[in-house]
Amino acid sequence: MPPPLDRLDHVAIPVEDVASAVAWYTAAFHCRVKYQDATWALLGFGNVDLALVIPGQHPAHIGFVSPDAEKFGELKTHRDGTRSCYVRDPSGNSVEILAPSAIGALRPLD
């Protein structure tokens, strides 16, 4: 039996103002705010999370949960409790690889 597929956790897009972006997304779509501060927010949708990030504070990226996250590099613990590292794909896109251990406790799987 093949191993389980890795899970797409979130997509992070740059915004100029986190609060106004959160207001727009929550008014336009059925989603919930999982986390918010001045530099980023995490919105929960039915199938994936959307991170709204301030350029220069956080890179635009796509985030995957992988049981092999440590194989990609040293994991850093973030303020939301997740542990991850960033790598670049062959086209130069930023990819965040998250360890599954902190995801379930701090950011419940929907």
PDB file of N, CA and C in Angstrom:
ATOM      1  N   MET A   1       0.847  -1.181   0.000  1.00  0.00           N
ATOM      2  CA  MET A   1       0.000   0.000   0.000  1.00  0.00           C
ATOM      3  C   MET A   1       0.891   1.242   0.000  1.00  0.00           C
ATOM      4  N   PRO A   2       0.632   2.190  -0.909  1.00  0.00           N
ATOM      5  CA  PRO A   2       1.463   3.395  -0.953  1.00  0.00           C
ATOM      6  C   PRO A   2       1.219   4.269   0.276  1.00  0.00           C
ATOM      7  N   PRO A   3       2.208   5.112   0.621  1.00  0.00           N
ATOM      8  CA  PRO A   3       2.009   6.008   1.770  1.00  0.00           C
ATOM      9  C   PRO A   3       0.886   7.001   1.474  1.00  0.00           C
ATOM     10  N   PRO A   4       0.285   7.570   2.529  1.00  0.00           N
ATOM     11  CA  PRO A   4      -0.777   8.552   2.297  1.00  0.00           C
ATOM     12  C   PRO A   4      -0.230   9.774   1.566  1.00  0.00           C
ATOM     13  N   LEU A   5      -1.100  10.422   0.827  1.00  0.00           N
ATOM     14  CA  LEU A   5      -0.698  11.620   0.098  1.00  0.00           C
ATOM     15  C   LEU A   5      -0.427  12.767   1.059  1.00  0.00           C
ATOM     16  N   ASP A   6       0.559  13.612   0.720  1.00  0.00           N
ATOM     17  CA  ASP A   6       0.784  14.823   1.500  1.00  0.00           C
ATOM     18  C   ASP A   6      -0.421  15.736   1.312  1.00  0.00           C
ATOM     19  N   ARG A   7      -0.671  16.597   2.288  1.00  0.00           N
ATOM     20  CA  ARG A   7      -1.857  17.448   2.290  1.00  0.00           C
ATOM     21  C   ARG A   7      -1.487  18.898   2.016  1.00  0.00           C
ATOM     22  N   LEU A   8      -2.217  19.527   1.109  1.00  0.00           N
ATOM     23  CA  LEU A   8      -2.085  20.964   0.896  1.00  0.00           C
ATOM     24  C   LEU A   8      -2.699  21.634   2.111  1.00  0.00           C
ATOM     25  N   ASP A   9      -1.919  22.420   2.826  1.00  0.00           N
ATOM     26  CA  ASP A   9      -2.396  23.063   4.046  1.00  0.00           C
ATOM     27  C   ASP A   9      -2.932  24.465   3.774  1.00  0.00           C
ATOM     28  N   HIS A  10      -2.170  25.255   3.024  1.00  0.00           N
ATOM     29  CA  HIS A  10      -2.590  26.630   2.785  1.00  0.00           C
ATOM     30  C   HIS A  10      -1.879  27.230   1.585  1.00  0.00           C
ATOM     31  N   VAL A  11      -2.451  28.313   1.105  1.00  0.00           N
ATOM     32  CA  VAL A  11      -1.837  29.154   0.086  1.00  0.00           C
ATOM     33  C   VAL A  11      -1.706  30.530   0.721  1.00  0.00           C
ATOM     34  N   ALA A  12      -0.543  31.152   0.590  1.00  0.00           N
ATOM     35  CA  ALA A  12      -0.314  32.479   1.157  1.00  0.00           C
ATOM     36  C   ALA A  12      -0.168  33.497   0.031  1.00  0.00           C
ATOM     37  N   ILE A  13      -0.975  34.547   0.105  1.00  0.00           N
ATOM     38  CA  ILE A  13      -0.926  35.594  -0.908  1.00  0.00           C
ATOM     39  C   ILE A  13      -0.585  36.929  -0.246  1.00  0.00           C
ATOM     40  N   PRO A  14       0.134  37.799  -0.968  1.00  0.00           N
ATOM     41  CA  PRO A  14       0.475  39.098  -0.391  1.00  0.00           C
ATOM     42  C   PRO A  14      -0.714  40.059  -0.415  1.00  0.00           C
ATOM     43  N   VAL A  15      -0.850  40.838   0.653  1.00  0.00           N
ATOM     44  CA  VAL A  15      -1.867  41.883   0.740  1.00  0.00           C
ATOM     45  C   VAL A  15      -1.213  43.135   1.311  1.00  0.00           C
ATOM     46  N   GLU A  16      -1.776  44.288   1.009  1.00  0.00           N
ATOM     47  CA  GLU A  16      -1.216  45.541   1.528  1.00  0.00           C
ATOM     48  C   GLU A  16      -1.659  45.810   2.961  1.00  0.00           C
ATOM     49  N   ASP A  17      -2.880  45.408   3.307  1.00  0.00           N
ATOM     50  CA  ASP A  17      -3.424  45.648   4.647  1.00  0.00           C
ATOM     51  C   ASP A  17      -4.183  44.401   5.088  1.00  0.00           C
ATOM     52  N   VAL A  18      -3.687  43.758   6.120  1.00  0.00           N
ATOM     53  CA  VAL A  18      -4.271  42.496   6.574  1.00  0.00           C
ATOM     54  C   VAL A  18      -5.723  42.682   7.018  1.00  0.00           C
ATOM     55  N   ALA A  19      -5.992  43.698   7.821  1.00  0.00           N
ATOM     56  CA  ALA A  19      -7.344  43.891   8.348  1.00  0.00           C
ATOM     57  C   ALA A  19      -8.363  44.117   7.232  1.00  0.00           C
ATOM     58  N   SER A  20      -8.025  44.944   6.257  1.00  0.00           N
ATOM     59  CA  SER A  20      -8.986  45.190   5.182  1.00  0.00           C
ATOM     60  C   SER A  20      -9.145  43.951   4.296  1.00  0.00           C
ATOM     61  N   ALA A  21      -8.071  43.195   4.109  1.00  0.00           N
ATOM     62  CA  ALA A  21      -8.175  41.958   3.323  1.00  0.00           C
ATOM     63  C   ALA A  21      -9.053  40.935   4.046  1.00  0.00           C
ATOM     64  N   VAL A  22      -8.879  40.805   5.358  1.00  0.00           N
ATOM     65  CA  VAL A  22      -9.723  39.889   6.140  1.00  0.00           C
ATOM     66  C   VAL A  22     -11.182  40.318   6.031  1.00  0.00           C
ATOM     67  N   ALA A  23     -11.436  41.608   6.152  1.00  0.00           N
ATOM     68  CA  ALA A  23     -12.810  42.104   6.051  1.00  0.00           C
ATOM     69  C   ALA A  23     -13.414  41.759   4.691  1.00  0.00           C
ATOM     70  N   TRP A  24     -12.644  41.933   3.626  1.00  0.00           N
ATOM     71  CA  TRP A  24     -13.162  41.647   2.295  1.00  0.00           C
ATOM     72  C   TRP A  24     -13.433  40.155   2.107  1.00  0.00           C
ATOM     73  N   TYR A  25     -12.458  39.305   2.448  1.00  0.00           N
ATOM     74  CA  TYR A  25     -12.636  37.868   2.242  1.00  0.00           C
ATOM     75  C   TYR A  25     -13.772  37.309   3.092  1.00  0.00           C
ATOM     76  N   THR A  26     -13.897  37.768   4.330  1.00  0.00           N
ATOM     77  CA  THR A  26     -14.960  37.225   5.181  1.00  0.00           C
ATOM     78  C   THR A  26     -16.341  37.741   4.773  1.00  0.00           C
ATOM     79  N   ALA A  27     -16.401  38.899   4.127  1.00  0.00           N
ATOM     80  CA  ALA A  27     -17.679  39.395   3.611  1.00  0.00           C
ATOM     81  C   ALA A  27     -18.041  38.733   2.284  1.00  0.00           C
ATOM     82  N   ALA A  28     -17.042  38.430   1.476  1.00  0.00           N
ATOM     83  CA  ALA A  28     -17.283  37.887   0.141  1.00  0.00           C
ATOM     84  C   ALA A  28     -17.478  36.372   0.126  1.00  0.00           C
ATOM     85  N   PHE A  29     -16.883  35.662   1.099  1.00  0.00           N
ATOM     86  CA  PHE A  29     -16.899  34.200   1.095  1.00  0.00           C
ATOM     87  C   PHE A  29     -17.294  33.657   2.454  1.00  0.00           C
ATOM     88  N   HIS A  30     -17.742  32.420   2.471  1.00  0.00           N
ATOM     89  CA  HIS A  30     -18.032  31.725   3.722  1.00  0.00           C
ATOM     90  C   HIS A  30     -16.733  31.112   4.217  1.00  0.00           C
ATOM     91  N   CYS A  31     -16.089  31.800   5.136  1.00  0.00           N
ATOM     92  CA  CYS A  31     -14.825  31.342   5.718  1.00  0.00           C
ATOM     93  C   CYS A  31     -14.772  31.845   7.148  1.00  0.00           C
ATOM     94  N   ARG A  32     -13.767  31.383   7.880  1.00  0.00           N
ATOM     95  CA  ARG A  32     -13.622  31.855   9.258  1.00  0.00           C
ATOM     96  C   ARG A  32     -12.182  32.262   9.515  1.00  0.00           C
ATOM     97  N   VAL A  33     -12.006  33.207  10.411  1.00  0.00           N
ATOM     98  CA  VAL A  33     -10.674  33.675  10.785  1.00  0.00           C
ATOM     99  C   VAL A  33     -10.116  32.707  11.824  1.00  0.00           C
ATOM    100  N   LYS A  34      -9.018  32.045  11.474  1.00  0.00           N
ATOM    101  CA  LYS A  34      -8.361  31.122  12.404  1.00  0.00           C
ATOM    102  C   LYS A  34      -7.287  31.833  13.210  1.00  0.00           C
ATOM    103  N   TYR A  35      -6.665  32.858  12.600  1.00  0.00           N
ATOM    104  CA  TYR A  35      -5.608  33.634  13.266  1.00  0.00           C
ATOM    105  C   TYR A  35      -5.509  34.969  12.560  1.00  0.00           C
ATOM    106  N   GLN A  36      -5.202  36.023  13.313  1.00  0.00           N
ATOM    107  CA  GLN A  36      -4.983  37.329  12.696  1.00  0.00           C
ATOM    108  C   GLN A  36      -4.124  38.186  13.595  1.00  0.00           C
ATOM    109  N   ASP A  37      -3.137  38.848  13.001  1.00  0.00           N
ATOM    110  CA  ASP A  37      -2.405  39.917  13.665  1.00  0.00           C
ATOM    111  C   ASP A  37      -2.115  40.972  12.599  1.00  0.00           C
ATOM    112  N   ALA A  38      -1.238  41.905  12.867  1.00  0.00           N
ATOM    113  CA  ALA A  38      -0.994  43.003  11.928  1.00  0.00           C
ATOM    114  C   ALA A  38      -0.247  42.576  10.670  1.00  0.00           C
ATOM    115  N   THR A  39       0.496  41.446  10.736  1.00  0.00           N
ATOM    116  CA  THR A  39       1.324  41.055   9.588  1.00  0.00           C
ATOM    117  C   THR A  39       0.816  39.851   8.820  1.00  0.00           C
ATOM    118  N   TRP A  40      -0.135  39.101   9.380  1.00  0.00           N
ATOM    119  CA  TRP A  40      -0.707  37.987   8.621  1.00  0.00           C
ATOM    120  C   TRP A  40      -1.992  37.499   9.269  1.00  0.00           C
ATOM    121  N   ALA A  41      -2.779  36.836   8.454  1.00  0.00           N
ATOM    122  CA  ALA A  41      -4.021  36.227   8.934  1.00  0.00           C
ATOM    123  C   ALA A  41      -4.176  34.879   8.249  1.00  0.00           C
ATOM    124  N   LEU A  42      -4.898  33.983   8.901  1.00  0.00           N
ATOM    125  CA  LEU A  42      -5.181  32.674   8.344  1.00  0.00           C
ATOM    126  C   LEU A  42      -6.691  32.489   8.315  1.00  0.00           C
ATOM    127  N   LEU A  43      -7.214  32.299   7.107  1.00  0.00           N
ATOM    128  CA  LEU A  43      -8.650  32.103   6.922  1.00  0.00           C
ATOM    129  C   LEU A  43      -8.913  30.648   6.567  1.00  0.00           C
ATOM    130  N   GLY A  44      -9.887  30.050   7.234  1.00  0.00           N
ATOM    131  CA  GLY A  44     -10.244  28.668   6.973  1.00  0.00           C
ATOM    132  C   GLY A  44     -11.389  28.582   5.981  1.00  0.00           C
ATOM    133  N   PHE A  45     -11.185  27.829   4.930  1.00  0.00           N
ATOM    134  CA  PHE A  45     -12.215  27.533   3.944  1.00  0.00           C
ATOM    135  C   PHE A  45     -12.526  26.041   4.044  1.00  0.00           C
ATOM    136  N   GLY A  46     -13.482  25.570   3.292  1.00  0.00           N
ATOM    137  CA  GLY A  46     -13.892  24.175   3.367  1.00  0.00           C
ATOM    138  C   GLY A  46     -12.829  23.176   2.970  1.00  0.00           C
ATOM    139  N   ASN A  47     -11.919  23.572   2.084  1.00  0.00           N
ATOM    140  CA  ASN A  47     -10.945  22.606   1.568  1.00  0.00           C
ATOM    141  C   ASN A  47      -9.492  22.993   1.774  1.00  0.00           C
ATOM    142  N   VAL A  48      -9.214  24.241   2.135  1.00  0.00           N
ATOM    143  CA  VAL A  48      -7.834  24.680   2.324  1.00  0.00           C
ATOM    144  C   VAL A  48      -7.858  26.001   3.076  1.00  0.00           C
ATOM    145  N   ASP A  49      -6.754  26.359   3.690  1.00  0.00           N
ATOM    146  CA  ASP A  49      -6.642  27.654   4.359  1.00  0.00           C
ATOM    147  C   ASP A  49      -5.989  28.667   3.431  1.00  0.00           C
ATOM    148  N   LEU A  50      -6.326  29.933   3.652  1.00  0.00           N
ATOM    149  CA  LEU A  50      -5.738  31.035   2.903  1.00  0.00           C
ATOM    150  C   LEU A  50      -5.021  31.940   3.884  1.00  0.00           C
ATOM    151  N   ALA A  51      -3.720  32.118   3.682  1.00  0.00           N
ATOM    152  CA  ALA A  51      -2.946  33.038   4.509  1.00  0.00           C
ATOM    153  C   ALA A  51      -2.811  34.357   3.758  1.00  0.00           C
ATOM    154  N   LEU A  52      -3.085  35.439   4.463  1.00  0.00           N
ATOM    155  CA  LEU A  52      -2.931  36.784   3.917  1.00  0.00           C
ATOM    156  C   LEU A  52      -1.685  37.370   4.571  1.00  0.00           C
ATOM    157  N   VAL A  53      -0.674  37.687   3.774  1.00  0.00           N
ATOM    158  CA  VAL A  53       0.630  38.073   4.324  1.00  0.00           C
ATOM    159  C   VAL A  53       1.071  39.438   3.813  1.00  0.00           C
ATOM    160  N   ILE A  54       1.814  40.142   4.648  1.00  0.00           N
ATOM    161  CA  ILE A  54       2.407  41.426   4.274  1.00  0.00           C
ATOM    162  C   ILE A  54       3.753  41.138   3.607  1.00  0.00           C
ATOM    163  N   PRO A  55       3.950  41.619   2.363  1.00  0.00           N
ATOM    164  CA  PRO A  55       5.257  41.421   1.708  1.00  0.00           C
ATOM    165  C   PRO A  55       6.378  41.982   2.591  1.00  0.00           C
ATOM    166  N   GLY A  56       7.472  41.280   2.635  1.00  0.00           N
ATOM    167  CA  GLY A  56       8.587  41.684   3.487  1.00  0.00           C
ATOM    168  C   GLY A  56       8.527  41.058   4.866  1.00  0.00           C
ATOM    169  N   GLN A  57       7.338  40.707   5.329  1.00  0.00           N
ATOM    170  CA  GLN A  57       7.177  40.023   6.615  1.00  0.00           C
ATOM    171  C   GLN A  57       7.101  38.507   6.424  1.00  0.00           C
ATOM    172  N   HIS A  58       6.396  38.095   5.376  1.00  0.00           N
ATOM    173  CA  HIS A  58       6.201  36.685   5.065  1.00  0.00           C
ATOM    174  C   HIS A  58       6.200  36.547   3.541  1.00  0.00           C
ATOM    175  N   PRO A  59       6.803  35.503   3.024  1.00  0.00           N
ATOM    176  CA  PRO A  59       6.778  35.342   1.563  1.00  0.00           C
ATOM    177  C   PRO A  59       5.436  34.776   1.077  1.00  0.00           C
ATOM    178  N   ALA A  60       5.061  35.142  -0.130  1.00  0.00           N
ATOM    179  CA  ALA A  60       3.938  34.455  -0.785  1.00  0.00           C
ATOM    180  C   ALA A  60       4.408  33.020  -1.008  1.00  0.00           C
ATOM    181  N   HIS A  61       3.545  32.046  -0.740  1.00  0.00           N
ATOM    182  CA  HIS A  61       3.973  30.644  -0.837  1.00  0.00           C
ATOM    183  C   HIS A  61       2.781  29.704  -0.826  1.00  0.00           C
ATOM    184  N   ILE A  62       3.087  28.446  -1.023  1.00  0.00           N
ATOM    185  CA  ILE A  62       2.112  27.371  -0.866  1.00  0.00           C
ATOM    186  C   ILE A  62       2.660  26.447   0.219  1.00  0.00           C
ATOM    187  N   GLY A  63       1.794  25.979   1.104  1.00  0.00           N
ATOM    188  CA  GLY A  63       2.242  25.170   2.237  1.00  0.00           C
ATOM    189  C   GLY A  63       1.671  23.768   2.204  1.00  0.00           C
ATOM    190  N   PHE A  64       2.546  22.792   2.358  1.00  0.00           N
ATOM    191  CA  PHE A  64       2.161  21.381   2.402  1.00  0.00           C
ATOM    192  C   PHE A  64       2.509  20.798   3.755  1.00  0.00           C
ATOM    193  N   VAL A  65       1.697  19.871   4.244  1.00  0.00           N
ATOM    194  CA  VAL A  65       2.013  19.097   5.443  1.00  0.00           C
ATOM    195  C   VAL A  65       2.654  17.799   4.975  1.00  0.00           C
ATOM    196  N   SER A  66       3.815  17.495   5.529  1.00  0.00           N
ATOM    197  CA  SER A  66       4.523  16.273   5.149  1.00  0.00           C
ATOM    198  C   SER A  66       5.117  15.602   6.376  1.00  0.00           C
ATOM    199  N   PRO A  67       4.928  14.286   6.510  1.00  0.00           N
ATOM    200  CA  PRO A  67       5.570  13.579   7.621  1.00  0.00           C
ATOM    201  C   PRO A  67       7.088  13.588   7.490  1.00  0.00           C
ATOM    202  N   ASP A  68       7.588  13.920   6.311  1.00  0.00           N
ATOM    203  CA  ASP A  68       9.035  13.974   6.069  1.00  0.00           C
ATOM    204  C   ASP A  68       9.558  15.407   6.045  1.00  0.00           C
ATOM    205  N   ALA A  69       8.889  16.328   6.734  1.00  0.00           N
ATOM    206  CA  ALA A  69       9.265  17.745   6.683  1.00  0.00           C
ATOM    207  C   ALA A  69      10.735  17.978   7.041  1.00  0.00           C
ATOM    208  N   GLU A  70      11.242  17.231   8.009  1.00  0.00           N
ATOM    209  CA  GLU A  70      12.631  17.420   8.444  1.00  0.00           C
ATOM    210  C   GLU A  70      13.632  17.129   7.329  1.00  0.00           C
ATOM    211  N   LYS A  71      13.254  16.324   6.364  1.00  0.00           N
ATOM    212  CA  LYS A  71      14.160  15.991   5.260  1.00  0.00           C
ATOM    213  C   LYS A  71      14.418  17.192   4.349  1.00  0.00           C
ATOM    214  N   PHE A  72      13.535  18.209   4.408  1.00  0.00           N
ATOM    215  CA  PHE A  72      13.682  19.382   3.558  1.00  0.00           C
ATOM    216  C   PHE A  72      14.581  20.441   4.169  1.00  0.00           C
ATOM    217  N   GLY A  73      14.814  20.371   5.473  1.00  0.00           N
ATOM    218  CA  GLY A  73      15.659  21.355   6.140  1.00  0.00           C
ATOM    219  C   GLY A  73      15.291  21.471   7.602  1.00  0.00           C
ATOM    220  N   GLU A  74      16.032  22.327   8.311  1.00  0.00           N
ATOM    221  CA  GLU A  74      15.784  22.533   9.736  1.00  0.00           C
ATOM    222  C   GLU A  74      14.432  23.217   9.932  1.00  0.00           C
ATOM    223  N   LEU A  75      13.617  22.648  10.810  1.00  0.00           N
ATOM    224  CA  LEU A  75      12.290  23.198  11.050  1.00  0.00           C
ATOM    225  C   LEU A  75      12.364  24.315  12.086  1.00  0.00           C
ATOM    226  N   LYS A  76      11.638  25.395  11.818  1.00  0.00           N
ATOM    227  CA  LYS A  76      11.559  26.537  12.729  1.00  0.00           C
ATOM    228  C   LYS A  76      10.166  26.525  13.350  1.00  0.00           C
ATOM    229  N   THR A  77      10.077  26.805  14.663  1.00  0.00           N
ATOM    230  CA  THR A  77       8.780  26.903  15.323  1.00  0.00           C
ATOM    231  C   THR A  77       8.261  28.326  15.167  1.00  0.00           C
ATOM    232  N   HIS A  78       7.033  28.446  14.682  1.00  0.00           N
ATOM    233  CA  HIS A  78       6.420  29.743  14.437  1.00  0.00           C
ATOM    234  C   HIS A  78       5.511  30.142  15.588  1.00  0.00           C
ATOM    235  N   ARG A  79       5.099  31.394  15.623  1.00  0.00           N
ATOM    236  CA  ARG A  79       4.283  31.911  16.734  1.00  0.00           C
ATOM    237  C   ARG A  79       2.922  31.236  16.851  1.00  0.00           C
ATOM    238  N   ASP A  80       2.439  30.611  15.770  1.00  0.00           N
ATOM    239  CA  ASP A  80       1.159  29.885  15.862  1.00  0.00           C
ATOM    240  C   ASP A  80       1.361  28.433  16.289  1.00  0.00           C
ATOM    241  N   GLY A  81       2.610  28.057  16.587  1.00  0.00           N
ATOM    242  CA  GLY A  81       2.906  26.711  17.070  1.00  0.00           C
ATOM    243  C   GLY A  81       3.296  25.714  16.001  1.00  0.00           C
ATOM    244  N   THR A  82       3.127  26.080  14.731  1.00  0.00           N
ATOM    245  CA  THR A  82       3.521  25.165  13.663  1.00  0.00           C
ATOM    246  C   THR A  82       5.039  25.136  13.542  1.00  0.00           C
ATOM    247  N   ARG A  83       5.537  24.043  12.957  1.00  0.00           N
ATOM    248  CA  ARG A  83       6.969  23.890  12.700  1.00  0.00           C
ATOM    249  C   ARG A  83       7.138  23.633  11.218  1.00  0.00           C
ATOM    250  N   SER A  84       8.038  24.385  10.591  1.00  0.00           N
ATOM    251  CA  SER A  84       8.188  24.239   9.147  1.00  0.00           C
ATOM    252  C   SER A  84       9.529  24.775   8.676  1.00  0.00           C
ATOM    253  N   CYS A  85       9.775  24.551   7.395  1.00  0.00           N
ATOM    254  CA  CYS A  85      10.903  25.175   6.708  1.00  0.00           C
ATOM    255  C   CYS A  85      10.421  25.595   5.323  1.00  0.00           C
ATOM    256  N   TYR A  86      11.147  26.520   4.740  1.00  0.00           N
ATOM    257  CA  TYR A  86      10.824  26.990   3.391  1.00  0.00           C
ATOM    258  C   TYR A  86      11.878  26.489   2.420  1.00  0.00           C
ATOM    259  N   VAL A  87      11.430  26.077   1.258  1.00  0.00           N
ATOM    260  CA  VAL A  87      12.317  25.666   0.162  1.00  0.00           C
ATOM    261  C   VAL A  87      11.804  26.324  -1.115  1.00  0.00           C
ATOM    262  N   ARG A  88      12.586  26.245  -2.164  1.00  0.00           N
ATOM    263  CA  ARG A  88      12.170  26.756  -3.477  1.00  0.00           C
ATOM    264  C   ARG A  88      11.986  25.581  -4.422  1.00  0.00           C
ATOM    265  N   ASP A  89      10.925  25.655  -5.225  1.00  0.00           N
ATOM    266  CA  ASP A  89      10.742  24.634  -6.246  1.00  0.00           C
ATOM    267  C   ASP A  89      11.643  24.972  -7.440  1.00  0.00           C
ATOM    268  N   PRO A  90      11.733  24.106  -8.451  1.00  0.00           N
ATOM    269  CA  PRO A  90      12.641  24.373  -9.578  1.00  0.00           C
ATOM    270  C   PRO A  90      12.352  25.679 -10.323  1.00  0.00           C
ATOM    271  N   SER A  91      11.137  26.223 -10.194  1.00  0.00           N
ATOM    272  CA  SER A  91      10.805  27.496 -10.849  1.00  0.00           C
ATOM    273  C   SER A  91      11.033  28.696  -9.940  1.00  0.00           C
ATOM    274  N   GLY A  92      11.499  28.454  -8.720  1.00  0.00           N
ATOM    275  CA  GLY A  92      11.780  29.547  -7.788  1.00  0.00           C
ATOM    276  C   GLY A  92      10.635  29.930  -6.875  1.00  0.00           C
ATOM    277  N   ASN A  93       9.523  29.188  -6.926  1.00  0.00           N
ATOM    278  CA  ASN A  93       8.395  29.473  -6.035  1.00  0.00           C
ATOM    279  C   ASN A  93       8.718  29.044  -4.612  1.00  0.00           C
ATOM    280  N   SER A  94       8.268  29.816  -3.650  1.00  0.00           N
ATOM    281  CA  SER A  94       8.476  29.500  -2.244  1.00  0.00           C
ATOM    282  C   SER A  94       7.456  28.446  -1.807  1.00  0.00           C
ATOM    283  N   VAL A  95       7.953  27.376  -1.169  1.00  0.00           N
ATOM    284  CA  VAL A  95       7.122  26.275  -0.698  1.00  0.00           C
ATOM    285  C   VAL A  95       7.431  26.066   0.783  1.00  0.00           C
ATOM    286  N   GLU A  96       6.385  26.094   1.599  1.00  0.00           N
ATOM    287  CA  GLU A  96       6.547  25.824   3.022  1.00  0.00           C
ATOM    288  C   GLU A  96       6.193  24.364   3.271  1.00  0.00           C
ATOM    289  N   ILE A  97       7.076  23.657   3.976  1.00  0.00           N
ATOM    290  CA  ILE A  97       6.852  22.259   4.333  1.00  0.00           C
ATOM    291  C   ILE A  97       6.612  22.218   5.836  1.00  0.00           C
ATOM    292  N   LEU A  98       5.399  21.842   6.234  1.00  0.00           N
ATOM    293  CA  LEU A  98       5.012  21.834   7.642  1.00  0.00           C
ATOM    294  C   LEU A  98       5.039  20.423   8.214  1.00  0.00           C
ATOM    295  N   ALA A  99       5.519  20.311   9.449  1.00  0.00           N
ATOM    296  CA  ALA A  99       5.466  19.037  10.161  1.00  0.00           C
ATOM    297  C   ALA A  99       4.041  18.816  10.638  1.00  0.00           C
ATOM    298  N   PRO A 100       3.538  17.594  10.554  1.00  0.00           N
ATOM    299  CA  PRO A 100       2.148  17.334  10.961  1.00  0.00           C
ATOM    300  C   PRO A 100       1.914  17.396  12.460  1.00  0.00           C
ATOM    301  N   SER A 101       2.947  17.283  13.276  1.00  0.00           N
ATOM    302  CA  SER A 101       2.774  17.168  14.723  1.00  0.00           C
ATOM    303  C   SER A 101       2.035  18.343  15.360  1.00  0.00           C
ATOM    304  N   ALA A 102       2.307  19.567  14.943  1.00  0.00           N
ATOM    305  CA  ALA A 102       1.669  20.734  15.560  1.00  0.00           C
ATOM    306  C   ALA A 102       0.394  21.156  14.848  1.00  0.00           C
ATOM    307  N   ILE A 103       0.140  20.653  13.664  1.00  0.00           N
ATOM    308  CA  ILE A 103      -1.002  21.113  12.880  1.00  0.00           C
ATOM    309  C   ILE A 103      -2.328  20.764  13.553  1.00  0.00           C
ATOM    310  N   GLY A 104      -2.514  19.517  13.929  1.00  0.00           N
ATOM    311  CA  GLY A 104      -3.797  19.093  14.477  1.00  0.00           C
ATOM    312  C   GLY A 104      -4.167  19.785  15.767  1.00  0.00           C
ATOM    313  N   ALA A 105      -3.186  20.034  16.629  1.00  0.00           N
ATOM    314  CA  ALA A 105      -3.474  20.640  17.926  1.00  0.00           C
ATOM    315  C   ALA A 105      -3.788  22.128  17.814  1.00  0.00           C
ATOM    316  N   LEU A 106      -3.103  22.816  16.933  1.00  0.00           N
ATOM    317  CA  LEU A 106      -3.230  24.266  16.891  1.00  0.00           C
ATOM    318  C   LEU A 106      -4.060  24.779  15.725  1.00  0.00           C
ATOM    319  N   ARG A 107      -4.131  24.032  14.657  1.00  0.00           N
ATOM    320  CA  ARG A 107      -4.917  24.409  13.488  1.00  0.00           C
ATOM    321  C   ARG A 107      -5.688  23.171  13.072  1.00  0.00           C
ATOM    322  N   PRO A 108      -6.845  22.960  13.675  1.00  0.00           N
ATOM    323  CA  PRO A 108      -7.580  21.715  13.426  1.00  0.00           C
ATOM    324  C   PRO A 108      -7.822  21.465  11.940  1.00  0.00           C
ATOM    325  N   LEU A 109      -7.721  20.212  11.568  1.00  0.00           N
ATOM    326  CA  LEU A 109      -8.020  19.814  10.208  1.00  0.00           C
ATOM    327  C   LEU A 109      -9.525  19.901  10.022  1.00  0.00           C
ATOM    328  N   ASP A 110      -9.952  20.625   9.011  1.00  0.00           N
ATOM    329  CA  ASP A 110     -11.390  20.797   8.766  1.00  0.00           C
ATOM    330  C   ASP A 110     -11.895  19.720   7.843  1.00  0.00           C
TER     331      ASP A 110
END
